[in-house]
């Protein structure tokens, strides 16, 4: 019979790896964890300038941060990234799988290259990052937070493969929570309209606002605060929190 876990320690001083933290939602998460006193490893692939800016902002606020590059679409990259973090910090307390791509792919126009790119980064990478990190996280009574999407629960005709990848993240979250219990907690966040895809118009933004029950768009900070909650919530695992202003109840 498993022994009950000890209450969670404060986040201060613990090590967190945030993937895709050079921009957008990943950056907001890294900044918030830095404000909580975590030692943040800012992962990036191509957004080196953005990652440097994230690290600078954390340090300017009195936090501790470093950056590391990895192309997580490569099959060998997830294991190497976790090994790098452990070699430089000696521990890993939290893994936030935020790196992802969202491509508009109307049916009839989807290419195999787009399909492979989305599934490689959105599904394969977070799974193998989690698998490699599991031992270190168990030693730390740590946690994984996956960033899913409201598309996992809805049908978006122009984003079918994207929605499929995020549905896979939801199932991965549930399954890993069971497989890694009781030493590692695994949860997810499914953001709604907190940050619009690149290239969206003001009219499209207004449509989203008007069809959201809370009558406003969210922000990456809303997701970041939910991540902090899940890292601190010691009796929550296998959960997916929708941070969407109520869009999932609009119909």
Protein backbone atom coordinates (compact mmCIF):
# COMPACT_ATOMS: atom_id res chain seq x y z
CA UNK A 1 0.00 0.00 0.00
CA UNK A 2 1.43 3.38 -1.02
CA UNK A 3 2.30 5.83 1.69
CA UNK A 4 0.55 9.21 1.61
CA UNK A 5 2.58 11.99 0.09
CA UNK A 6 3.95 14.79 2.18
CA UNK A 7 2.43 18.25 1.66
CA UNK A 8 3.95 20.10 -1.27
CA UNK A 9 6.93 22.29 -0.51
CA UNK A 10 6.85 25.93 -1.66
CA UNK A 11 7.85 26.39 -5.27
CA UNK A 12 10.76 28.65 -4.36
CA UNK A 13 14.11 27.10 -5.18
CA UNK A 14 12.65 24.26 -7.20
CA UNK A 15 13.70 23.65 -10.81
CA UNK A 16 11.18 23.98 -13.64
CA UNK A 17 11.69 23.27 -17.33
CA UNK A 18 9.28 25.16 -19.58
CA UNK A 19 9.39 24.19 -23.25
CA UNK A 20 8.70 26.78 -25.90
CA UNK A 21 9.29 29.56 -23.37
CA UNK A 22 10.80 32.10 -25.74
CA UNK A 23 7.44 33.50 -26.79
CA UNK A 24 3.68 33.60 -26.34
CA UNK A 25 2.13 31.41 -23.63
CA UNK A 26 5.37 29.61 -22.80
CA UNK A 27 7.04 32.91 -21.94
CA UNK A 28 4.18 33.95 -19.67
CA UNK A 29 4.43 30.63 -17.82
CA UNK A 30 8.20 30.95 -17.38
CA UNK A 31 7.85 34.50 -16.06
CA UNK A 32 5.18 33.50 -13.58
CA UNK A 33 7.23 30.56 -12.28
CA UNK A 34 10.17 32.91 -11.92
CA UNK A 35 8.02 35.23 -9.84
CA UNK A 36 7.23 32.25 -7.62
CA UNK A 37 10.94 31.79 -6.97
CA UNK A 38 11.47 28.74 -9.17
CA UNK A 39 14.74 28.23 -11.00
CA UNK A 40 13.45 28.29 -14.56
CA UNK A 41 15.04 26.57 -17.54
CA UNK A 42 13.75 28.38 -20.63
CA UNK A 43 13.68 26.02 -23.60
CA UNK A 44 13.61 27.36 -27.15
CA UNK A 45 14.23 26.14 -30.66
CA UNK A 46 14.43 29.05 -33.10
CA UNK A 47 13.38 31.93 -30.84
CA UNK A 48 16.78 32.58 -29.28
CA UNK A 49 16.21 36.32 -28.92
CA UNK A 50 12.85 35.65 -27.26
CA UNK A 51 14.39 33.14 -24.87
CA UNK A 52 17.14 35.60 -23.96
CA UNK A 53 14.47 38.20 -23.26
CA UNK A 54 12.53 35.77 -21.07
CA UNK A 55 15.66 34.98 -19.06
CA UNK A 56 16.47 38.69 -18.73
CA UNK A 57 12.99 39.52 -17.47
CA UNK A 58 13.14 36.77 -14.86
CA UNK A 59 16.57 37.85 -13.67
CA UNK A 60 15.62 41.54 -13.63
CA UNK A 61 12.76 40.62 -11.29
CA UNK A 62 15.20 38.90 -8.94
CA UNK A 63 14.67 35.35 -10.18
CA UNK A 64 17.01 32.69 -11.51
CA UNK A 65 16.81 31.48 -15.10
CA UNK A 66 18.85 29.98 -17.90
CA UNK A 67 18.07 28.98 -21.46
CA UNK A 68 18.76 25.92 -23.56
CA UNK A 69 18.11 25.15 -27.22
CA UNK A 70 16.63 21.95 -28.63
CA UNK A 71 14.70 21.04 -31.77
CA UNK A 72 12.06 18.87 -30.13
CA UNK A 73 10.84 17.60 -33.49
CA UNK A 74 14.00 15.46 -33.56
CA UNK A 75 13.54 12.02 -32.04
CA UNK A 76 16.69 12.29 -29.92
CA UNK A 77 16.02 15.79 -28.59
CA UNK A 78 13.64 15.11 -25.67
CA UNK A 79 16.01 12.74 -23.87
CA UNK A 80 18.98 15.03 -24.52
CA UNK A 81 17.11 18.08 -23.19
CA UNK A 82 16.17 16.38 -19.92
CA UNK A 83 19.73 15.09 -19.52
CA UNK A 84 21.07 18.62 -20.05
CA UNK A 85 18.78 20.06 -17.38
CA UNK A 86 19.72 17.37 -14.88
CA UNK A 87 23.42 17.77 -15.60
CA UNK A 88 23.31 21.52 -15.01
CA UNK A 89 20.87 21.65 -12.08
CA UNK A 90 21.05 18.22 -10.47
CA UNK A 91 17.29 17.97 -10.14
CA UNK A 92 13.98 18.58 -11.89
CA UNK A 93 10.84 19.39 -9.95
CA UNK A 94 8.43 20.51 -12.67
CA UNK A 95 8.05 19.95 -16.40
CA UNK A 96 5.72 22.22 -18.37
CA UNK A 97 5.14 20.92 -21.89
CA UNK A 98 4.22 24.12 -23.69
CA UNK A 99 6.08 23.94 -27.02
CA UNK A 100 3.68 23.33 -29.91
CA UNK A 101 2.68 24.49 -33.36
CA UNK A 102 -0.81 25.33 -34.58
CA UNK A 103 -1.28 25.23 -38.34
CA UNK A 104 -4.43 26.09 -40.25
CA UNK A 105 -5.07 22.96 -42.32
CA UNK A 106 -8.48 22.84 -44.03
CA UNK A 107 -9.57 19.38 -45.09
CA UNK A 108 -8.42 18.70 -48.62
CA UNK A 109 -5.30 20.81 -48.12
CA UNK A 110 -3.50 18.93 -45.33
CA UNK A 111 -0.02 17.79 -46.31
CA UNK A 112 1.91 14.91 -44.80
CA UNK A 113 4.67 17.36 -43.89
CA UNK A 114 2.24 19.47 -41.83
CA UNK A 115 0.80 16.35 -40.21
CA UNK A 116 4.22 15.00 -39.27
CA UNK A 117 5.39 18.37 -37.95
CA UNK A 118 2.38 18.79 -35.66
CA UNK A 119 2.39 15.27 -34.26
CA UNK A 120 6.18 15.32 -33.76
CA UNK A 121 6.19 18.51 -31.70
CA UNK A 122 2.71 18.48 -30.14
CA UNK A 123 2.49 14.80 -29.13
CA UNK A 124 5.70 12.81 -29.48
CA UNK A 125 7.97 15.38 -27.86
CA UNK A 126 5.94 15.94 -24.66
CA UNK A 127 5.48 12.20 -24.21
CA UNK A 128 9.19 11.41 -24.43
CA UNK A 129 10.12 14.44 -22.35
CA UNK A 130 7.76 13.18 -19.66
CA UNK A 131 9.06 9.62 -19.90
CA UNK A 132 12.69 10.73 -19.57
CA UNK A 133 11.89 13.16 -16.75
CA UNK A 134 9.75 10.70 -14.75
CA UNK A 135 12.55 9.30 -12.56
CA UNK A 136 13.88 12.72 -11.56
CA UNK A 137 10.37 14.05 -10.98
CA UNK A 138 9.53 11.05 -8.79
CA UNK A 139 12.59 11.72 -6.64
CA UNK A 140 11.36 15.29 -6.16
CA UNK A 141 7.65 14.52 -5.72
CA UNK A 142 7.33 16.68 -8.80
CA UNK A 143 4.70 17.44 -11.37
CA UNK A 144 4.04 17.67 -15.08
CA UNK A 145 1.70 20.25 -16.60
CA UNK A 146 0.78 19.79 -20.25
CA UNK A 147 -0.65 22.60 -22.35
CA UNK A 148 -3.54 21.21 -24.34
CA UNK A 149 -6.16 23.33 -26.12
CA UNK A 150 -9.92 23.81 -26.23
CA UNK A 151 -9.63 22.21 -29.69
CA UNK A 152 -9.24 18.87 -27.89
CA UNK A 153 -12.93 19.07 -26.96
CA UNK A 154 -14.42 20.83 -30.00
CA UNK A 155 -14.53 20.33 -33.77
CA UNK A 156 -12.69 23.04 -35.68
CA UNK A 157 -12.96 22.25 -39.43
CA UNK A 158 -9.85 24.23 -40.39
CA UNK A 159 -7.72 22.73 -37.60
CA UNK A 160 -8.53 18.99 -37.56
CA UNK A 161 -4.95 17.64 -37.15
CA UNK A 162 -4.21 20.28 -34.50
CA UNK A 163 -7.30 19.25 -32.55
CA UNK A 164 -6.25 15.61 -32.83
CA UNK A 165 -2.83 16.37 -31.33
CA UNK A 166 -4.40 18.20 -28.41
CA UNK A 167 -6.90 15.41 -27.80
CA UNK A 168 -3.91 13.09 -27.61
CA UNK A 169 -2.39 15.37 -24.97
CA UNK A 170 -5.56 15.09 -22.87
CA UNK A 171 -5.43 11.30 -23.02
CA UNK A 172 -1.69 11.30 -22.36
CA UNK A 173 -2.28 13.44 -19.27
CA UNK A 174 -4.84 11.02 -17.87
CA UNK A 175 -2.77 7.94 -18.62
CA UNK A 176 0.52 9.34 -17.29
CA UNK A 177 -1.22 10.55 -14.14
CA UNK A 178 -2.23 6.96 -13.46
CA UNK A 179 1.08 5.43 -14.52
CA UNK A 180 3.29 7.82 -12.52
CA UNK A 181 1.19 8.03 -9.34
CA UNK A 182 1.73 8.54 -6.48
CA UNK A 183 5.12 10.22 -6.80
CA UNK A 184 4.46 12.39 -9.87
CA UNK A 185 1.30 14.39 -10.52
CA UNK A 186 0.28 15.02 -14.13
CA UNK A 187 -2.30 17.60 -15.16
CA UNK A 188 -3.13 19.75 -18.17
CA UNK A 189 -4.56 23.11 -19.09
CA UNK A 190 -6.77 23.63 -22.14
CA UNK A 191 -6.65 27.33 -23.03
CA UNK A 192 -9.35 29.00 -25.05
CA UNK A 193 -8.99 32.43 -26.63
CA UNK A 194 -6.07 33.66 -24.53
CA UNK A 195 -3.77 34.49 -27.43
CA UNK A 196 -4.86 34.58 -31.05
CA UNK A 197 -2.97 32.68 -33.75
CA UNK A 198 -0.60 34.80 -35.82
CA UNK A 199 -2.39 36.57 -38.65
CA UNK A 200 -5.88 36.68 -37.19
CA UNK A 201 -7.87 39.86 -37.95
CA UNK A 202 -9.60 42.27 -35.55
CA UNK A 203 -12.96 41.01 -36.85
CA UNK A 204 -12.02 37.42 -35.96
CA UNK A 205 -10.90 38.57 -32.51
CA UNK A 206 -14.18 40.40 -31.98
CA UNK A 207 -16.14 37.30 -32.99
CA UNK A 208 -14.30 35.28 -30.35
CA UNK A 209 -14.91 37.93 -27.72
CA UNK A 210 -18.61 38.17 -28.54
CA UNK A 211 -19.08 34.40 -28.38
CA UNK A 212 -17.24 33.94 -25.07
CA UNK A 213 -19.58 33.85 -22.03
CA UNK A 214 -17.29 36.12 -19.99
CA UNK A 215 -17.43 38.60 -22.92
CA UNK A 216 -13.68 39.13 -23.15
CA UNK A 217 -10.57 37.48 -24.42
CA UNK A 218 -8.13 35.99 -21.96
CA UNK A 219 -4.38 36.42 -21.73
CA UNK A 220 -1.34 34.17 -21.41
CA UNK A 221 -1.16 35.24 -17.76
CA UNK A 222 -4.46 33.43 -17.14
CA UNK A 223 -2.81 30.20 -18.28
CA UNK A 224 0.34 30.92 -16.27
CA UNK A 225 -1.60 31.36 -13.04
CA UNK A 226 -3.37 28.06 -13.68
CA UNK A 227 0.02 26.36 -14.10
CA UNK A 228 1.10 27.66 -10.70
CA UNK A 229 -2.09 26.33 -9.16
CA UNK A 230 -1.50 22.87 -10.61
CA UNK A 231 2.12 22.80 -9.43
CA UNK A 232 1.00 23.69 -5.91
CA UNK A 233 -2.19 21.59 -5.79
CA UNK A 234 -0.85 18.49 -4.09
CA UNK A 235 -4.09 16.49 -4.28
CA UNK A 236 -4.89 17.08 -7.95
CA UNK A 237 -3.78 14.73 -10.70
CA UNK A 238 -5.20 13.56 -14.03
CA UNK A 239 -7.14 16.80 -14.36
CA UNK A 240 -7.60 19.08 -17.36
CA UNK A 241 -8.53 22.66 -16.49
CA UNK A 242 -10.18 24.67 -19.25
CA UNK A 243 -9.05 28.30 -19.12
CA UNK A 244 -11.40 29.60 -21.78
CA UNK A 245 -13.75 32.25 -20.36
CA UNK A 246 -16.55 29.69 -20.45
CA UNK A 247 -16.42 28.97 -24.19
CA UNK A 248 -16.95 25.26 -23.54
CA UNK A 249 -20.42 26.04 -22.07
CA UNK A 250 -21.57 28.49 -24.74
CA UNK A 251 -23.84 25.97 -26.51
